[in-house]
Amino acid sequence: MRFETLKKLNAARRARQAAIAVTDISDGKVQVILEGEDVSGPLGEEIAKAFRSGKAATVDVEGRSLFLNVHLPPPRIVVIGAVHISQALARLAPVAGYDMTIIDPRTAFATEERFEGVELIADWPEDVLKDRPLDAYTALAALTHDPKIDDFPLSEALKAGCFYVGALGSRKTHAKRVERLKEMGRTDNEIGRIAAPIGLDIGAASPAEIALATLAQIVQAFRRRELVAAG
């Protein structure tokens, strides 16, 4: 791999930006395409498929045989709330290939005994997200039922374009949340992205079932996500 190619891929990795190395098999020339760059025609269609699947593939485009090597940032889940659903989700997420972080300022809940082996941050989301910003390859699940804890990260997730944003609570609870988020400057289109009540509708009742429904919805959102726009 040429130095310039490697340099561009490493820069994308550090920035948690998706990239594809396109190799022309006939002559070995490599082009790095970043997510959001404008690629039109049949190649653009193949590039979009590869970004969504995350899998390398050999494709034939306009008489050329091309190898697409996909480099995606590891998708991650940020959970707001060290609750029973979070405990179950922490066991399920790694199985599906997701790193997970739990943020909760309530030290009575955010204990290592309850979340052994999980990245757990017992601090306010406002403080944590200053140094660890959300991005398009992050799913955010707000589970505390407490507006003082949930609202800020929900607003930040919408602003950052997280591929999934979900919140626990009834439709009545969510209606009040919508008004608060509008006061925080979020638009109707942004707020409409929130999955609330959280999780796929599988009739989930227990914390483990809600965690399963939430993870399934996160995977669905990731595989069907809109690609990052050029900017």
C-alpha atoms as a PDB file:
ATOM      1  CA  MET A   1       0.000   0.000   0.000  1.00  0.00           C
ATOM      2  CA  ARG A   2       1.364   3.404  -0.997  1.00  0.00           C
ATOM      3  CA  PHE A   3       2.272   5.858   1.739  1.00  0.00           C
ATOM      4  CA  GLU A   4      -0.282   8.469   0.644  1.00  0.00           C
ATOM      5  CA  THR A   5      -3.054   5.854   0.656  1.00  0.00           C
ATOM      6  CA  LEU A   6      -2.111   4.658   4.124  1.00  0.00           C
ATOM      7  CA  LYS A   7      -1.846   8.240   5.373  1.00  0.00           C
ATOM      8  CA  LYS A   8      -5.345   9.079   4.161  1.00  0.00           C
ATOM      9  CA  LEU A   9      -6.836   5.904   5.655  1.00  0.00           C
ATOM     10  CA  ASN A  10      -5.141   6.523   9.007  1.00  0.00           C
ATOM     11  CA  ALA A  11      -6.420  10.099   9.069  1.00  0.00           C
ATOM     12  CA  ALA A  12      -9.959   8.826   8.428  1.00  0.00           C
ATOM     13  CA  ARG A  13      -9.598   6.253  11.195  1.00  0.00           C
ATOM     14  CA  ARG A  14      -8.487   8.878  13.712  1.00  0.00           C
ATOM     15  CA  ALA A  15     -11.439  11.086  12.755  1.00  0.00           C
ATOM     16  CA  ARG A  16     -13.896   8.148  12.939  1.00  0.00           C
ATOM     17  CA  GLN A  17     -14.699   8.694   9.264  1.00  0.00           C
ATOM     18  CA  ALA A  18     -15.578   5.870   6.893  1.00  0.00           C
ATOM     19  CA  ALA A  19     -13.393   5.271   3.836  1.00  0.00           C
ATOM     20  CA  ILE A  20     -13.100   2.818   0.967  1.00  0.00           C
ATOM     21  CA  ALA A  21      -9.853   1.965  -0.840  1.00  0.00           C
ATOM     22  CA  VAL A  22     -10.793   1.295  -4.464  1.00  0.00           C
ATOM     23  CA  THR A  23      -8.187  -0.797  -6.284  1.00  0.00           C
ATOM     24  CA  ASP A  24      -8.269  -1.207 -10.055  1.00  0.00           C
ATOM     25  CA  ILE A  25      -7.275  -4.861 -10.405  1.00  0.00           C
ATOM     26  CA  SER A  26      -5.937  -4.352 -13.940  1.00  0.00           C
ATOM     27  CA  ASP A  27      -3.212  -1.882 -12.996  1.00  0.00           C
ATOM     28  CA  GLY A  28      -3.149  -1.837  -9.181  1.00  0.00           C
ATOM     29  CA  LYS A  29      -3.970   1.867  -8.896  1.00  0.00           C
ATOM     30  CA  VAL A  30      -5.693   2.771  -5.621  1.00  0.00           C
ATOM     31  CA  GLN A  31      -8.120   5.594  -4.904  1.00  0.00           C
ATOM     32  CA  VAL A  32      -9.371   6.376  -1.389  1.00  0.00           C
ATOM     33  CA  ILE A  33     -12.980   7.558  -1.224  1.00  0.00           C
ATOM     34  CA  LEU A  34     -14.286   9.090   2.008  1.00  0.00           C
ATOM     35  CA  GLU A  35     -17.934   8.801   2.994  1.00  0.00           C
ATOM     36  CA  GLY A  36     -19.704  11.940   1.855  1.00  0.00           C
ATOM     37  CA  GLU A  37     -17.573  12.475  -1.251  1.00  0.00           C
ATOM     38  CA  ASP A  38     -19.588  12.770  -4.447  1.00  0.00           C
ATOM     39  CA  VAL A  39     -19.205   9.655  -6.591  1.00  0.00           C
ATOM     40  CA  SER A  40     -21.742   9.448  -9.388  1.00  0.00           C
ATOM     41  CA  GLY A  41     -22.901   6.667 -11.700  1.00  0.00           C
ATOM     42  CA  PRO A  42     -22.529   2.894 -11.258  1.00  0.00           C
ATOM     43  CA  LEU A  43     -19.403   3.255  -9.122  1.00  0.00           C
ATOM     44  CA  GLY A  44     -21.281   5.552  -6.743  1.00  0.00           C
ATOM     45  CA  GLU A  45     -24.010   2.923  -6.359  1.00  0.00           C
ATOM     46  CA  GLU A  46     -21.458   0.218  -5.532  1.00  0.00           C
ATOM     47  CA  ILE A  47     -19.672   2.535  -3.103  1.00  0.00           C
ATOM     48  CA  ALA A  48     -22.943   3.258  -1.276  1.00  0.00           C
ATOM     49  CA  LYS A  49     -23.699  -0.474  -0.987  1.00  0.00           C
ATOM     50  CA  ALA A  50     -20.231  -1.132   0.417  1.00  0.00           C
ATOM     51  CA  PHE A  51     -20.461   1.655   2.990  1.00  0.00           C
ATOM     52  CA  ARG A  52     -23.764   0.230   4.258  1.00  0.00           C
ATOM     53  CA  SER A  53     -22.655  -3.410   4.354  1.00  0.00           C
ATOM     54  CA  GLY A  54     -19.153  -2.739   5.654  1.00  0.00           C
ATOM     55  CA  LYS A  55     -17.901  -5.703   3.610  1.00  0.00           C
ATOM     56  CA  ALA A  56     -15.105  -5.810   1.059  1.00  0.00           C
ATOM     57  CA  ALA A  57     -16.180  -6.816  -2.447  1.00  0.00           C
ATOM     58  CA  THR A  58     -14.988  -7.133  -6.024  1.00  0.00           C
ATOM     59  CA  VAL A  59     -17.278  -5.339  -8.483  1.00  0.00           C
ATOM     60  CA  ASP A  60     -17.367  -4.824 -12.240  1.00  0.00           C
ATOM     61  CA  VAL A  61     -17.976  -1.212 -13.198  1.00  0.00           C
ATOM     62  CA  GLU A  62     -18.001  -0.037 -16.806  1.00  0.00           C
ATOM     63  CA  GLY A  63     -15.618  -2.763 -17.944  1.00  0.00           C
ATOM     64  CA  ARG A  64     -13.247  -2.424 -14.988  1.00  0.00           C
ATOM     65  CA  SER A  65     -12.805  -4.929 -12.208  1.00  0.00           C
ATOM     66  CA  LEU A  66     -12.465  -3.083  -8.898  1.00  0.00           C
ATOM     67  CA  PHE A  67     -11.747  -4.278  -5.374  1.00  0.00           C
ATOM     68  CA  LEU A  68     -13.507  -2.250  -2.677  1.00  0.00           C
ATOM     69  CA  ASN A  69     -11.816  -2.505   0.720  1.00  0.00           C
ATOM     70  CA  VAL A  70     -14.116  -0.910   3.299  1.00  0.00           C
ATOM     71  CA  HIS A  71     -12.856   0.802   6.451  1.00  0.00           C
ATOM     72  CA  LEU A  72     -15.679   1.740   8.824  1.00  0.00           C
ATOM     73  CA  PRO A  73     -15.291   3.266  12.301  1.00  0.00           C
ATOM     74  CA  PRO A  74     -16.341   0.678  14.894  1.00  0.00           C
ATOM     75  CA  PRO A  75     -20.030   1.395  15.623  1.00  0.00           C
ATOM     76  CA  ARG A  76     -20.610   2.092  19.293  1.00  0.00           C
ATOM     77  CA  ILE A  77     -23.510   2.472  21.694  1.00  0.00           C
ATOM     78  CA  VAL A  78     -23.650   5.212  24.319  1.00  0.00           C
ATOM     79  CA  VAL A  79     -26.259   4.508  26.977  1.00  0.00           C
ATOM     80  CA  ILE A  80     -27.501   7.218  29.310  1.00  0.00           C
ATOM     81  CA  GLY A  81     -28.554   5.522  32.523  1.00  0.00           C
ATOM     82  CA  ALA A  82     -27.121   2.704  34.626  1.00  0.00           C
ATOM     83  CA  VAL A  83     -30.424   0.819  34.863  1.00  0.00           C
ATOM     84  CA  HIS A  84     -31.570  -2.806  34.558  1.00  0.00           C
ATOM     85  CA  ILE A  85     -32.054  -2.486  30.794  1.00  0.00           C
ATOM     86  CA  SER A  86     -28.463  -1.238  30.534  1.00  0.00           C
ATOM     87  CA  GLN A  87     -27.214  -4.300  32.386  1.00  0.00           C
ATOM     88  CA  ALA A  88     -28.864  -6.607  29.861  1.00  0.00           C
ATOM     89  CA  LEU A  89     -27.803  -4.465  26.895  1.00  0.00           C
ATOM     90  CA  ALA A  90     -24.195  -4.539  28.121  1.00  0.00           C
ATOM     91  CA  ARG A  91     -24.224  -8.343  27.781  1.00  0.00           C
ATOM     92  CA  LEU A  92     -25.887  -8.333  24.346  1.00  0.00           C
ATOM     93  CA  ALA A  93     -24.053  -5.496  22.593  1.00  0.00           C
ATOM     94  CA  PRO A  94     -20.610  -7.165  22.330  1.00  0.00           C
ATOM     95  CA  VAL A  95     -22.201 -10.233  20.751  1.00  0.00           C
ATOM     96  CA  ALA A  96     -23.433  -8.008  17.905  1.00  0.00           C
ATOM     97  CA  GLY A  97     -20.032  -6.310  17.627  1.00  0.00           C
ATOM     98  CA  TYR A  98     -20.793  -3.040  19.387  1.00  0.00           C
ATOM     99  CA  ASP A  99     -18.625  -1.312  21.960  1.00  0.00           C
ATOM    100  CA  MET A 100     -20.720   0.207  24.708  1.00  0.00           C
ATOM    101  CA  THR A 101     -20.326   3.036  27.208  1.00  0.00           C
ATOM    102  CA  ILE A 102     -22.727   3.834  30.040  1.00  0.00           C
ATOM    103  CA  ILE A 103     -22.980   7.367  31.429  1.00  0.00           C
ATOM    104  CA  ASP A 104     -24.889   8.139  34.629  1.00  0.00           C
ATOM    105  CA  PRO A 105     -24.100  10.768  37.286  1.00  0.00           C
ATOM    106  CA  ARG A 106     -26.066   8.829  39.919  1.00  0.00           C
ATOM    107  CA  THR A 107     -23.299   7.034  41.760  1.00  0.00           C
ATOM    108  CA  ALA A 108     -25.773   4.797  43.589  1.00  0.00           C
ATOM    109  CA  PHE A 109     -26.610   3.194  40.234  1.00  0.00           C
ATOM    110  CA  ALA A 110     -23.315   3.562  38.363  1.00  0.00           C
ATOM    111  CA  THR A 111     -21.246   1.023  40.288  1.00  0.00           C
ATOM    112  CA  GLU A 112     -18.635  -1.437  39.089  1.00  0.00           C
ATOM    113  CA  GLU A 113     -20.417  -4.204  40.970  1.00  0.00           C
ATOM    114  CA  ARG A 114     -23.503  -3.784  38.766  1.00  0.00           C
ATOM    115  CA  PHE A 115     -21.541  -3.271  35.544  1.00  0.00           C
ATOM    116  CA  GLU A 116     -18.423  -5.397  35.785  1.00  0.00           C
ATOM    117  CA  GLY A 117     -16.326  -5.243  32.619  1.00  0.00           C
ATOM    118  CA  VAL A 118     -18.351  -2.382  31.104  1.00  0.00           C
ATOM    119  CA  GLU A 119     -17.055   1.119  30.418  1.00  0.00           C
ATOM    120  CA  LEU A 120     -18.959   3.084  33.025  1.00  0.00           C
ATOM    121  CA  ILE A 121     -18.664   6.834  33.587  1.00  0.00           C
ATOM    122  CA  ALA A 122     -20.293   8.228  36.733  1.00  0.00           C
ATOM    123  CA  ASP A 123     -20.570  11.833  35.601  1.00  0.00           C
ATOM    124  CA  TRP A 124     -23.011  14.225  33.922  1.00  0.00           C
ATOM    125  CA  PRO A 125     -23.399  13.739  30.169  1.00  0.00           C
ATOM    126  CA  GLU A 126     -22.737  17.459  29.609  1.00  0.00           C
ATOM    127  CA  ASP A 127     -19.249  17.011  31.050  1.00  0.00           C
ATOM    128  CA  VAL A 128     -18.483  13.645  29.432  1.00  0.00           C
ATOM    129  CA  LEU A 129     -19.532  14.596  25.910  1.00  0.00           C
ATOM    130  CA  LYS A 130     -17.298  17.666  25.857  1.00  0.00           C
ATOM    131  CA  ASP A 131     -14.266  15.397  25.605  1.00  0.00           C
ATOM    132  CA  ARG A 132     -15.973  12.414  23.975  1.00  0.00           C
ATOM    133  CA  PRO A 133     -18.299  13.845  21.334  1.00  0.00           C
ATOM    134  CA  LEU A 134     -20.956  11.790  19.612  1.00  0.00           C
ATOM    135  CA  ASP A 135     -20.742  11.095  15.869  1.00  0.00           C
ATOM    136  CA  ALA A 136     -22.499   9.441  12.940  1.00  0.00           C
ATOM    137  CA  TYR A 137     -21.229   5.990  13.957  1.00  0.00           C
ATOM    138  CA  THR A 138     -22.700   6.216  17.449  1.00  0.00           C
ATOM    139  CA  ALA A 139     -26.080   4.994  18.680  1.00  0.00           C
ATOM    140  CA  LEU A 140     -27.475   6.798  21.721  1.00  0.00           C
ATOM    141  CA  ALA A 141     -30.041   5.250  24.044  1.00  0.00           C
ATOM    142  CA  ALA A 142     -31.474   7.434  26.831  1.00  0.00           C
ATOM    143  CA  LEU A 143     -32.884   5.252  29.605  1.00  0.00           C
ATOM    144  CA  THR A 144     -33.050   7.223  32.854  1.00  0.00           C
ATOM    145  CA  HIS A 145     -36.578   8.722  32.582  1.00  0.00           C
ATOM    146  CA  ASP A 146     -35.002  11.873  34.069  1.00  0.00           C
ATOM    147  CA  PRO A 147     -35.060  14.948  31.786  1.00  0.00           C
ATOM    148  CA  LYS A 148     -32.179  16.521  33.705  1.00  0.00           C
ATOM    149  CA  ILE A 149     -29.981  13.618  32.600  1.00  0.00           C
ATOM    150  CA  ASP A 150     -31.499  12.507  29.274  1.00  0.00           C
ATOM    151  CA  ASP A 151     -32.360  15.724  27.450  1.00  0.00           C
ATOM    152  CA  PHE A 152     -28.871  17.106  26.834  1.00  0.00           C
ATOM    153  CA  PRO A 153     -27.399  13.930  25.286  1.00  0.00           C
ATOM    154  CA  LEU A 154     -30.544  13.450  23.188  1.00  0.00           C
ATOM    155  CA  SER A 155     -30.139  16.961  21.799  1.00  0.00           C
ATOM    156  CA  GLU A 156     -26.433  16.402  21.169  1.00  0.00           C
ATOM    157  CA  ALA A 157     -27.107  13.068  19.440  1.00  0.00           C
ATOM    158  CA  LEU A 158     -29.553  14.689  17.038  1.00  0.00           C
ATOM    159  CA  LYS A 159     -27.141  17.536  16.360  1.00  0.00           C
ATOM    160  CA  ALA A 160     -24.249  15.130  15.744  1.00  0.00           C
ATOM    161  CA  GLY A 161     -26.262  12.955  13.343  1.00  0.00           C
ATOM    162  CA  CYS A 162     -25.986   9.750  15.376  1.00  0.00           C
ATOM    163  CA  PHE A 163     -27.235   6.856  13.264  1.00  0.00           C
ATOM    164  CA  TYR A 164     -29.670   5.887  16.045  1.00  0.00           C
ATOM    165  CA  VAL A 165     -31.306   7.897  18.812  1.00  0.00           C
ATOM    166  CA  GLY A 166     -33.745   6.173  21.162  1.00  0.00           C
ATOM    167  CA  ALA A 167     -35.419   7.119  24.418  1.00  0.00           C
ATOM    168  CA  LEU A 168     -37.326   5.186  27.033  1.00  0.00           C
ATOM    169  CA  GLY A 169     -40.779   6.400  27.990  1.00  0.00           C
ATOM    170  CA  SER A 170     -44.436   6.420  27.048  1.00  0.00           C
ATOM    171  CA  ARG A 171     -45.895   8.508  24.234  1.00  0.00           C
ATOM    172  CA  LYS A 172     -47.158  10.985  26.829  1.00  0.00           C
ATOM    173  CA  THR A 173     -43.676  11.257  28.302  1.00  0.00           C
ATOM    174  CA  HIS A 174     -42.212  11.690  24.838  1.00  0.00           C
ATOM    175  CA  ALA A 175     -44.661  14.474  23.957  1.00  0.00           C
ATOM    176  CA  LYS A 176     -43.309  16.506  26.880  1.00  0.00           C
ATOM    177  CA  ARG A 177     -39.768  15.622  25.806  1.00  0.00           C
ATOM    178  CA  VAL A 178     -40.460  16.929  22.312  1.00  0.00           C
ATOM    179  CA  GLU A 179     -41.423  20.339  23.691  1.00  0.00           C
ATOM    180  CA  ARG A 180     -38.272  20.518  25.793  1.00  0.00           C
ATOM    181  CA  LEU A 181     -36.049  19.572  22.845  1.00  0.00           C
ATOM    182  CA  LYS A 182     -37.689  22.254  20.706  1.00  0.00           C
ATOM    183  CA  GLU A 183     -36.825  24.784  23.405  1.00  0.00           C
ATOM    184  CA  MET A 184     -33.231  23.523  23.127  1.00  0.00           C
ATOM    185  CA  GLY A 185     -33.207  24.371  19.433  1.00  0.00           C
ATOM    186  CA  ARG A 186     -33.906  21.009  17.827  1.00  0.00           C
ATOM    187  CA  THR A 187     -36.164  20.955  14.764  1.00  0.00           C
ATOM    188  CA  ASP A 188     -39.225  18.801  14.125  1.00  0.00           C
ATOM    189  CA  ASN A 189     -37.279  16.781  11.537  1.00  0.00           C
ATOM    190  CA  GLU A 190     -34.470  16.127  13.986  1.00  0.00           C
ATOM    191  CA  ILE A 191     -36.818  15.165  16.816  1.00  0.00           C
ATOM    192  CA  GLY A 192     -38.726  12.886  14.468  1.00  0.00           C
ATOM    193  CA  ARG A 193     -35.656  10.655  14.313  1.00  0.00           C
ATOM    194  CA  ILE A 194     -36.005   9.630  17.959  1.00  0.00           C
ATOM    195  CA  ALA A 195     -37.245   6.084  18.491  1.00  0.00           C
ATOM    196  CA  ALA A 196     -39.717   6.480  21.336  1.00  0.00           C
ATOM    197  CA  PRO A 197     -40.884   4.269  22.892  1.00  0.00           C
ATOM    198  CA  ILE A 198     -37.478   2.680  22.420  1.00  0.00           C
ATOM    199  CA  GLY A 199     -36.933  -0.638  20.654  1.00  0.00           C
ATOM    200  CA  LEU A 200     -38.670  -2.680  17.975  1.00  0.00           C
ATOM    201  CA  ASP A 201     -42.271  -3.550  18.803  1.00  0.00           C
ATOM    202  CA  ILE A 202     -41.887  -7.186  19.842  1.00  0.00           C
ATOM    203  CA  GLY A 203     -44.118  -6.926  22.896  1.00  0.00           C
ATOM    204  CA  ALA A 204     -41.107  -6.603  25.187  1.00  0.00           C
ATOM    205  CA  ALA A 205     -41.943  -6.520  28.902  1.00  0.00           C
ATOM    206  CA  SER A 206     -38.850  -7.379  30.947  1.00  0.00           C
ATOM    207  CA  PRO A 207     -35.615  -5.345  31.014  1.00  0.00           C
ATOM    208  CA  ALA A 208     -33.845  -8.107  29.054  1.00  0.00           C
ATOM    209  CA  GLU A 209     -36.548  -8.118  26.376  1.00  0.00           C
ATOM    210  CA  ILE A 210     -36.463  -4.314  26.095  1.00  0.00           C
ATOM    211  CA  ALA A 211     -32.670  -4.513  25.750  1.00  0.00           C
ATOM    212  CA  LEU A 212     -33.038  -7.107  22.988  1.00  0.00           C
ATOM    213  CA  ALA A 213     -35.638  -4.985  21.169  1.00  0.00           C
ATOM    214  CA  THR A 214     -33.385  -1.929  21.480  1.00  0.00           C
ATOM    215  CA  LEU A 215     -30.310  -3.702  20.143  1.00  0.00           C
ATOM    216  CA  ALA A 216     -32.319  -5.086  17.212  1.00  0.00           C
ATOM    217  CA  GLN A 217     -33.521  -1.576  16.400  1.00  0.00           C
ATOM    218  CA  ILE A 218     -29.960  -0.249  16.611  1.00  0.00           C
ATOM    219  CA  VAL A 219     -28.715  -2.904  14.169  1.00  0.00           C
ATOM    220  CA  GLN A 220     -31.617  -2.151  11.823  1.00  0.00           C
ATOM    221  CA  ALA A 221     -30.847   1.570  11.947  1.00  0.00           C
ATOM    222  CA  PHE A 222     -27.154   0.980  11.244  1.00  0.00           C
ATOM    223  CA  ARG A 223     -27.752  -1.219   8.200  1.00  0.00           C
ATOM    224  CA  ARG A 224     -30.404   1.114   6.779  1.00  0.00           C
ATOM    225  CA  ARG A 225     -28.729   4.380   7.714  1.00  0.00           C
ATOM    226  CA  GLU A 226     -28.394   7.403   5.487  1.00  0.00           C
ATOM    227  CA  LEU A 227     -24.800   7.875   4.437  1.00  0.00           C
ATOM    228  CA  VAL A 228     -22.961  10.920   5.743  1.00  0.00           C
ATOM    229  CA  ALA A 229     -23.592  13.882   3.461  1.00  0.00           C
ATOM    230  CA  ALA A 230     -20.784  15.717   1.760  1.00  0.00           C
ATOM    231  CA  GLY A 231     -19.682  18.670   3.796  1.00  0.00           C
END
